[in-house]
């Protein structure tokens, strides 16, 4: 990477990137490596699918930069949300209405049905 316009001192210096930027070939890999390590550091594990993380009290599904978070207890919601807010500048979007083109319909008791399981889902 060359020095930006206005920073060139005539020395021919070049810059070394310390982290990947959007649009670079390795950016998705760097993003996954970063979030994978952070999610695993708070007790999640990923076995069958590299984008599905499980913990005894919640599950987390990643798709590019969208995250669907399904807590089974309120303490998990607050803990995981706090961790993500400390790691990243993010927007909390509340209860999910749609994720990856799938409409999430909530039952009268506030739960949703994902195959045989009912949980409340949140988009992080």
N, C-alpha and C. Protein backbone atom coordinates (compact mmCIF):
# COMPACT_ATOMS: atom_id res chain seq x y z
N UNK A 1 0.84 -1.17 0.00
CA UNK A 1 0.00 0.00 0.00
C UNK A 1 0.89 1.23 0.00
N UNK A 2 0.61 2.15 -0.87
CA UNK A 2 1.39 3.39 -0.93
C UNK A 2 0.83 4.39 0.08
N UNK A 3 1.68 5.35 0.45
CA UNK A 3 1.23 6.41 1.35
C UNK A 3 0.11 7.21 0.71
N UNK A 4 -0.91 7.61 1.48
CA UNK A 4 -1.99 8.41 0.91
C UNK A 4 -1.46 9.75 0.40
N UNK A 5 -2.21 10.32 -0.55
CA UNK A 5 -1.83 11.61 -1.10
C UNK A 5 -1.72 12.63 0.04
N UNK A 6 -0.65 13.42 0.02
CA UNK A 6 -0.41 14.40 1.07
C UNK A 6 0.53 13.91 2.16
N UNK A 7 0.74 12.58 2.25
CA UNK A 7 1.65 12.01 3.23
C UNK A 7 2.99 11.60 2.63
N UNK A 8 3.11 11.71 1.32
CA UNK A 8 4.34 11.29 0.65
C UNK A 8 5.46 12.27 0.96
N UNK A 9 6.53 11.74 1.60
CA UNK A 9 7.66 12.60 1.95
C UNK A 9 8.81 12.44 0.95
N UNK A 10 8.57 11.76 -0.16
CA UNK A 10 9.59 11.60 -1.18
C UNK A 10 10.55 10.46 -0.91
N UNK A 11 10.38 9.75 0.21
CA UNK A 11 11.30 8.68 0.56
C UNK A 11 10.97 7.36 -0.14
N UNK A 12 9.76 7.25 -0.70
CA UNK A 12 9.35 6.00 -1.34
C UNK A 12 8.86 4.97 -0.33
N UNK A 13 8.61 5.41 0.90
CA UNK A 13 8.12 4.49 1.94
C UNK A 13 6.81 3.84 1.52
N UNK A 14 6.57 2.66 2.06
CA UNK A 14 5.31 1.96 1.86
C UNK A 14 4.72 1.67 3.24
N UNK A 15 3.43 1.31 3.29
CA UNK A 15 2.75 1.02 4.55
C UNK A 15 2.50 -0.47 4.67
N UNK A 16 2.54 -0.97 5.89
CA UNK A 16 2.20 -2.35 6.19
C UNK A 16 0.84 -2.34 6.88
N UNK A 17 -0.16 -3.04 6.32
CA UNK A 17 -1.47 -3.11 6.95
C UNK A 17 -1.41 -4.04 8.15
N UNK A 18 -1.93 -3.58 9.27
CA UNK A 18 -1.96 -4.41 10.48
C UNK A 18 -3.24 -5.23 10.57
N UNK A 19 -4.26 -4.85 9.82
CA UNK A 19 -5.49 -5.63 9.79
C UNK A 19 -6.15 -5.50 8.43
N UNK A 20 -6.98 -6.48 8.10
CA UNK A 20 -7.65 -6.49 6.80
C UNK A 20 -8.69 -5.39 6.73
N UNK A 21 -8.91 -4.91 5.52
CA UNK A 21 -9.92 -3.90 5.26
C UNK A 21 -11.00 -4.49 4.38
N UNK A 22 -12.20 -3.88 4.41
CA UNK A 22 -13.28 -4.33 3.52
C UNK A 22 -12.79 -4.32 2.08
N UNK A 23 -13.21 -5.31 1.33
CA UNK A 23 -12.89 -5.36 -0.08
C UNK A 23 -11.63 -6.15 -0.39
N UNK A 24 -10.82 -6.44 0.60
CA UNK A 24 -9.62 -7.24 0.36
C UNK A 24 -9.98 -8.72 0.32
N UNK A 25 -9.20 -9.49 -0.39
CA UNK A 25 -9.47 -10.91 -0.57
C UNK A 25 -9.57 -11.67 0.75
N UNK A 26 -8.73 -11.33 1.72
CA UNK A 26 -8.69 -12.05 3.00
C UNK A 26 -9.63 -11.48 4.06
N UNK A 27 -10.38 -10.42 3.77
CA UNK A 27 -11.25 -9.79 4.76
C UNK A 27 -12.27 -10.76 5.38
N UNK A 28 -13.00 -11.56 4.58
CA UNK A 28 -13.96 -12.49 5.20
C UNK A 28 -13.28 -13.49 6.13
N UNK A 29 -12.13 -13.98 5.73
CA UNK A 29 -11.40 -14.94 6.57
C UNK A 29 -10.97 -14.29 7.89
N UNK A 30 -10.48 -13.06 7.82
CA UNK A 30 -10.05 -12.34 9.02
C UNK A 30 -11.23 -12.08 9.95
N UNK A 31 -12.37 -11.69 9.38
CA UNK A 31 -13.58 -11.45 10.17
C UNK A 31 -14.01 -12.73 10.87
N UNK A 32 -14.07 -13.85 10.13
CA UNK A 32 -14.48 -15.11 10.74
C UNK A 32 -13.50 -15.53 11.84
N UNK A 33 -12.21 -15.40 11.60
CA UNK A 33 -11.21 -15.76 12.59
C UNK A 33 -11.39 -14.93 13.87
N UNK A 34 -11.66 -13.65 13.72
CA UNK A 34 -11.85 -12.77 14.87
C UNK A 34 -13.10 -13.14 15.66
N UNK A 35 -14.24 -13.23 14.99
CA UNK A 35 -15.48 -13.50 15.71
C UNK A 35 -15.52 -14.92 16.26
N UNK A 36 -14.93 -15.87 15.55
CA UNK A 36 -14.87 -17.26 16.03
C UNK A 36 -14.13 -17.34 17.37
N UNK A 37 -13.00 -16.70 17.46
CA UNK A 37 -12.24 -16.72 18.71
C UNK A 37 -12.97 -16.05 19.85
N UNK A 38 -13.61 -14.93 19.57
CA UNK A 38 -14.34 -14.20 20.62
C UNK A 38 -15.54 -14.99 21.11
N UNK A 39 -16.31 -15.57 20.20
CA UNK A 39 -17.50 -16.33 20.58
C UNK A 39 -17.09 -17.56 21.39
N UNK A 40 -16.04 -18.23 20.97
CA UNK A 40 -15.58 -19.41 21.72
C UNK A 40 -15.04 -19.02 23.10
N UNK A 41 -14.53 -17.80 23.25
CA UNK A 41 -13.98 -17.36 24.54
C UNK A 41 -15.07 -17.18 25.59
N UNK A 42 -16.34 -17.05 25.19
CA UNK A 42 -17.41 -16.93 26.18
C UNK A 42 -18.24 -18.21 26.29
N UNK A 43 -17.64 -19.33 25.89
CA UNK A 43 -18.23 -20.63 26.16
C UNK A 43 -19.01 -21.29 25.04
N UNK A 44 -19.06 -20.70 23.86
CA UNK A 44 -19.75 -21.34 22.74
C UNK A 44 -18.84 -22.36 22.09
N UNK A 45 -19.45 -23.36 21.45
CA UNK A 45 -18.67 -24.31 20.67
C UNK A 45 -19.38 -24.51 19.34
N UNK A 46 -18.61 -24.86 18.34
CA UNK A 46 -19.14 -25.08 17.00
C UNK A 46 -18.67 -26.45 16.54
N UNK A 47 -19.62 -27.35 16.26
CA UNK A 47 -19.22 -28.71 15.89
C UNK A 47 -19.65 -29.07 14.47
N UNK A 48 -20.94 -29.20 14.24
CA UNK A 48 -21.43 -29.67 12.94
C UNK A 48 -21.34 -28.62 11.85
N UNK A 49 -21.63 -27.38 12.17
CA UNK A 49 -21.66 -26.30 11.18
C UNK A 49 -20.77 -25.18 11.71
N UNK A 50 -19.81 -24.70 10.92
CA UNK A 50 -18.89 -23.67 11.43
C UNK A 50 -19.56 -22.33 11.72
N UNK A 51 -20.80 -22.12 11.28
CA UNK A 51 -21.51 -20.87 11.53
C UNK A 51 -22.58 -20.97 12.61
N UNK A 52 -22.73 -22.14 13.22
CA UNK A 52 -23.68 -22.35 14.30
C UNK A 52 -22.91 -22.62 15.58
N UNK A 53 -23.12 -21.77 16.57
CA UNK A 53 -22.43 -21.88 17.86
C UNK A 53 -23.45 -22.21 18.93
N UNK A 54 -23.12 -23.20 19.74
CA UNK A 54 -24.03 -23.67 20.78
C UNK A 54 -23.41 -23.47 22.17
N UNK A 55 -24.27 -23.18 23.12
CA UNK A 55 -23.91 -23.14 24.53
C UNK A 55 -25.13 -23.67 25.26
N UNK A 56 -24.99 -24.12 26.47
CA UNK A 56 -26.12 -24.77 27.14
C UNK A 56 -27.33 -23.86 27.30
N UNK A 57 -27.14 -22.54 27.32
CA UNK A 57 -28.24 -21.61 27.56
C UNK A 57 -28.63 -20.76 26.35
N UNK A 58 -27.99 -20.98 25.19
CA UNK A 58 -28.33 -20.19 24.00
C UNK A 58 -27.64 -20.75 22.77
N UNK A 59 -28.04 -20.24 21.61
CA UNK A 59 -27.35 -20.57 20.36
C UNK A 59 -27.19 -19.30 19.54
N UNK A 60 -26.22 -19.33 18.66
CA UNK A 60 -25.86 -18.17 17.87
C UNK A 60 -25.59 -18.64 16.44
N UNK A 61 -26.17 -17.96 15.46
CA UNK A 61 -26.00 -18.33 14.07
C UNK A 61 -25.41 -17.14 13.32
N UNK A 62 -24.29 -17.35 12.63
CA UNK A 62 -23.62 -16.30 11.88
C UNK A 62 -23.88 -16.48 10.39
N UNK A 63 -24.11 -15.36 9.70
CA UNK A 63 -24.15 -15.38 8.25
C UNK A 63 -23.55 -14.06 7.78
N UNK A 64 -22.35 -14.08 7.27
CA UNK A 64 -21.58 -12.92 6.86
C UNK A 64 -21.46 -11.98 8.05
N UNK A 65 -22.18 -10.84 8.04
CA UNK A 65 -22.11 -9.95 9.19
C UNK A 65 -23.45 -9.83 9.90
N UNK A 66 -24.34 -10.80 9.70
CA UNK A 66 -25.61 -10.87 10.42
C UNK A 66 -25.50 -11.97 11.46
N UNK A 67 -26.07 -11.72 12.63
CA UNK A 67 -26.01 -12.68 13.72
C UNK A 67 -27.42 -12.88 14.27
N UNK A 68 -27.87 -14.12 14.32
CA UNK A 68 -29.14 -14.46 14.95
C UNK A 68 -28.80 -15.10 16.28
N UNK A 69 -29.32 -14.52 17.35
CA UNK A 69 -29.00 -14.98 18.70
C UNK A 69 -30.29 -15.46 19.37
N UNK A 70 -30.29 -16.69 19.87
CA UNK A 70 -31.48 -17.27 20.49
C UNK A 70 -31.12 -17.71 21.91
N UNK A 71 -31.48 -16.88 22.90
CA UNK A 71 -31.21 -17.25 24.30
C UNK A 71 -32.36 -18.08 24.87
N UNK A 72 -32.03 -19.01 25.75
CA UNK A 72 -33.07 -19.78 26.43
C UNK A 72 -33.41 -19.15 27.78
N UNK A 73 -32.51 -18.30 28.29
CA UNK A 73 -32.72 -17.60 29.56
C UNK A 73 -32.28 -16.14 29.40
N UNK A 74 -32.89 -15.24 30.18
CA UNK A 74 -32.58 -13.81 30.07
C UNK A 74 -31.13 -13.49 30.42
N UNK A 75 -30.54 -14.24 31.35
CA UNK A 75 -29.15 -13.95 31.73
C UNK A 75 -28.21 -14.13 30.54
N UNK A 76 -28.49 -15.12 29.70
CA UNK A 76 -27.67 -15.33 28.49
C UNK A 76 -27.80 -14.16 27.55
N UNK A 77 -29.00 -13.63 27.40
CA UNK A 77 -29.23 -12.48 26.54
C UNK A 77 -28.36 -11.31 26.98
N UNK A 78 -28.37 -10.97 28.26
CA UNK A 78 -27.62 -9.83 28.76
C UNK A 78 -26.11 -10.06 28.70
N UNK A 79 -25.67 -11.27 29.00
CA UNK A 79 -24.24 -11.58 28.98
C UNK A 79 -23.67 -11.50 27.57
N UNK A 80 -24.32 -12.15 26.62
CA UNK A 80 -23.82 -12.19 25.24
C UNK A 80 -23.94 -10.81 24.59
N UNK A 81 -25.03 -10.13 24.82
CA UNK A 81 -25.19 -8.78 24.27
C UNK A 81 -24.10 -7.85 24.81
N UNK A 82 -23.82 -7.92 26.12
CA UNK A 82 -22.77 -7.11 26.71
C UNK A 82 -21.40 -7.41 26.10
N UNK A 83 -21.12 -8.69 25.89
CA UNK A 83 -19.84 -9.09 25.29
C UNK A 83 -19.70 -8.51 23.88
N UNK A 84 -20.74 -8.67 23.06
CA UNK A 84 -20.68 -8.16 21.69
C UNK A 84 -20.54 -6.64 21.66
N UNK A 85 -21.26 -5.95 22.54
CA UNK A 85 -21.17 -4.49 22.57
C UNK A 85 -19.79 -4.02 23.01
N UNK A 86 -19.09 -4.80 23.82
CA UNK A 86 -17.73 -4.43 24.22
C UNK A 86 -16.71 -4.73 23.12
N UNK A 87 -17.00 -5.70 22.26
CA UNK A 87 -16.07 -6.08 21.19
C UNK A 87 -16.23 -5.22 19.94
N UNK A 88 -17.47 -4.91 19.57
CA UNK A 88 -17.74 -4.29 18.28
C UNK A 88 -18.68 -3.09 18.44
N UNK A 89 -18.56 -2.14 17.52
CA UNK A 89 -19.56 -1.08 17.39
C UNK A 89 -20.72 -1.72 16.64
N UNK A 90 -21.84 -1.86 17.30
CA UNK A 90 -22.94 -2.60 16.70
C UNK A 90 -24.26 -1.92 16.99
N UNK A 91 -25.28 -2.34 16.28
CA UNK A 91 -26.63 -1.85 16.48
C UNK A 91 -27.48 -3.02 16.95
N UNK A 92 -28.17 -2.82 18.06
CA UNK A 92 -29.08 -3.84 18.58
C UNK A 92 -30.42 -3.63 17.89
N UNK A 93 -30.87 -4.59 17.12
CA UNK A 93 -32.09 -4.44 16.32
C UNK A 93 -33.32 -5.04 16.98
N UNK A 94 -33.18 -5.64 18.15
CA UNK A 94 -34.33 -6.19 18.86
C UNK A 94 -34.74 -7.55 18.32
N UNK A 95 -36.01 -7.88 18.60
CA UNK A 95 -36.51 -9.18 18.17
C UNK A 95 -36.50 -9.29 16.65
N UNK A 96 -36.08 -10.45 16.17
CA UNK A 96 -36.00 -10.69 14.73
C UNK A 96 -37.40 -10.91 14.15
N UNK A 97 -37.65 -10.27 13.03
CA UNK A 97 -38.89 -10.50 12.27
C UNK A 97 -38.59 -11.34 11.03
N UNK A 98 -37.36 -11.18 10.51
CA UNK A 98 -36.95 -11.87 9.30
C UNK A 98 -35.44 -12.09 9.38
N UNK A 99 -34.96 -13.24 8.95
CA UNK A 99 -33.53 -13.53 8.93
C UNK A 99 -33.24 -14.37 7.70
N UNK A 100 -32.38 -13.86 6.83
CA UNK A 100 -32.00 -14.55 5.59
C UNK A 100 -33.22 -14.93 4.76
N UNK A 101 -34.18 -14.04 4.71
CA UNK A 101 -35.37 -14.28 3.90
C UNK A 101 -36.40 -15.17 4.56
N UNK A 102 -36.17 -15.60 5.79
CA UNK A 102 -37.12 -16.44 6.50
C UNK A 102 -37.91 -15.55 7.45
N UNK A 103 -39.23 -15.57 7.33
CA UNK A 103 -40.08 -14.78 8.23
C UNK A 103 -40.24 -15.57 9.52
N UNK A 104 -39.98 -14.89 10.64
CA UNK A 104 -40.11 -15.52 11.95
C UNK A 104 -41.45 -15.12 12.56
N UNK A 105 -42.33 -16.08 12.76
CA UNK A 105 -43.65 -15.80 13.32
C UNK A 105 -43.64 -16.23 14.79
N UNK A 106 -44.02 -15.28 15.64
CA UNK A 106 -44.03 -15.52 17.08
C UNK A 106 -45.38 -16.06 17.52
N UNK A 107 -45.34 -17.00 18.42
CA UNK A 107 -46.55 -17.58 19.00
C UNK A 107 -47.10 -16.61 20.04
N UNK A 108 -48.35 -16.79 20.47
CA UNK A 108 -48.92 -15.89 21.47
C UNK A 108 -48.11 -15.81 22.77
N UNK A 109 -47.39 -16.87 23.10
CA UNK A 109 -46.57 -16.84 24.33
C UNK A 109 -45.23 -16.15 24.11
N UNK A 110 -44.99 -15.61 22.90
CA UNK A 110 -43.76 -14.87 22.62
C UNK A 110 -42.64 -15.72 22.05
N UNK A 111 -42.86 -17.01 21.86
CA UNK A 111 -41.82 -17.88 21.32
C UNK A 111 -41.98 -18.03 19.81
N UNK A 112 -40.95 -18.56 19.17
CA UNK A 112 -41.03 -18.89 17.75
C UNK A 112 -40.75 -20.38 17.62
N UNK A 113 -41.20 -20.94 16.53
CA UNK A 113 -40.97 -22.36 16.32
C UNK A 113 -39.91 -22.54 15.24
N UNK A 114 -38.78 -23.14 15.59
CA UNK A 114 -37.75 -23.50 14.62
C UNK A 114 -37.66 -25.01 14.61
N UNK A 115 -38.37 -25.58 13.70
CA UNK A 115 -38.54 -27.03 13.64
C UNK A 115 -39.21 -27.49 14.93
N UNK A 116 -38.52 -28.22 15.79
CA UNK A 116 -39.16 -28.75 17.00
C UNK A 116 -38.85 -27.92 18.25
N UNK A 117 -38.17 -26.78 18.09
CA UNK A 117 -37.76 -25.99 19.24
C UNK A 117 -38.45 -24.63 19.24
N UNK A 118 -38.83 -24.11 20.40
CA UNK A 118 -39.42 -22.78 20.52
C UNK A 118 -38.53 -21.90 21.38
N UNK A 119 -38.06 -20.78 20.82
CA UNK A 119 -37.22 -19.82 21.52
C UNK A 119 -37.51 -18.43 20.99
N UNK A 120 -37.14 -17.42 21.72
CA UNK A 120 -37.22 -16.04 21.23
C UNK A 120 -35.89 -15.75 20.55
N UNK A 121 -35.93 -15.15 19.36
CA UNK A 121 -34.70 -14.87 18.60
C UNK A 121 -34.44 -13.37 18.57
N UNK A 122 -33.17 -13.00 18.58
CA UNK A 122 -32.74 -11.60 18.53
C UNK A 122 -31.70 -11.43 17.45
N UNK A 123 -31.71 -10.32 16.76
CA UNK A 123 -30.69 -10.02 15.76
C UNK A 123 -29.67 -9.12 16.42
N UNK A 124 -28.39 -9.52 16.38
CA UNK A 124 -27.32 -8.70 16.96
C UNK A 124 -26.70 -7.86 15.89
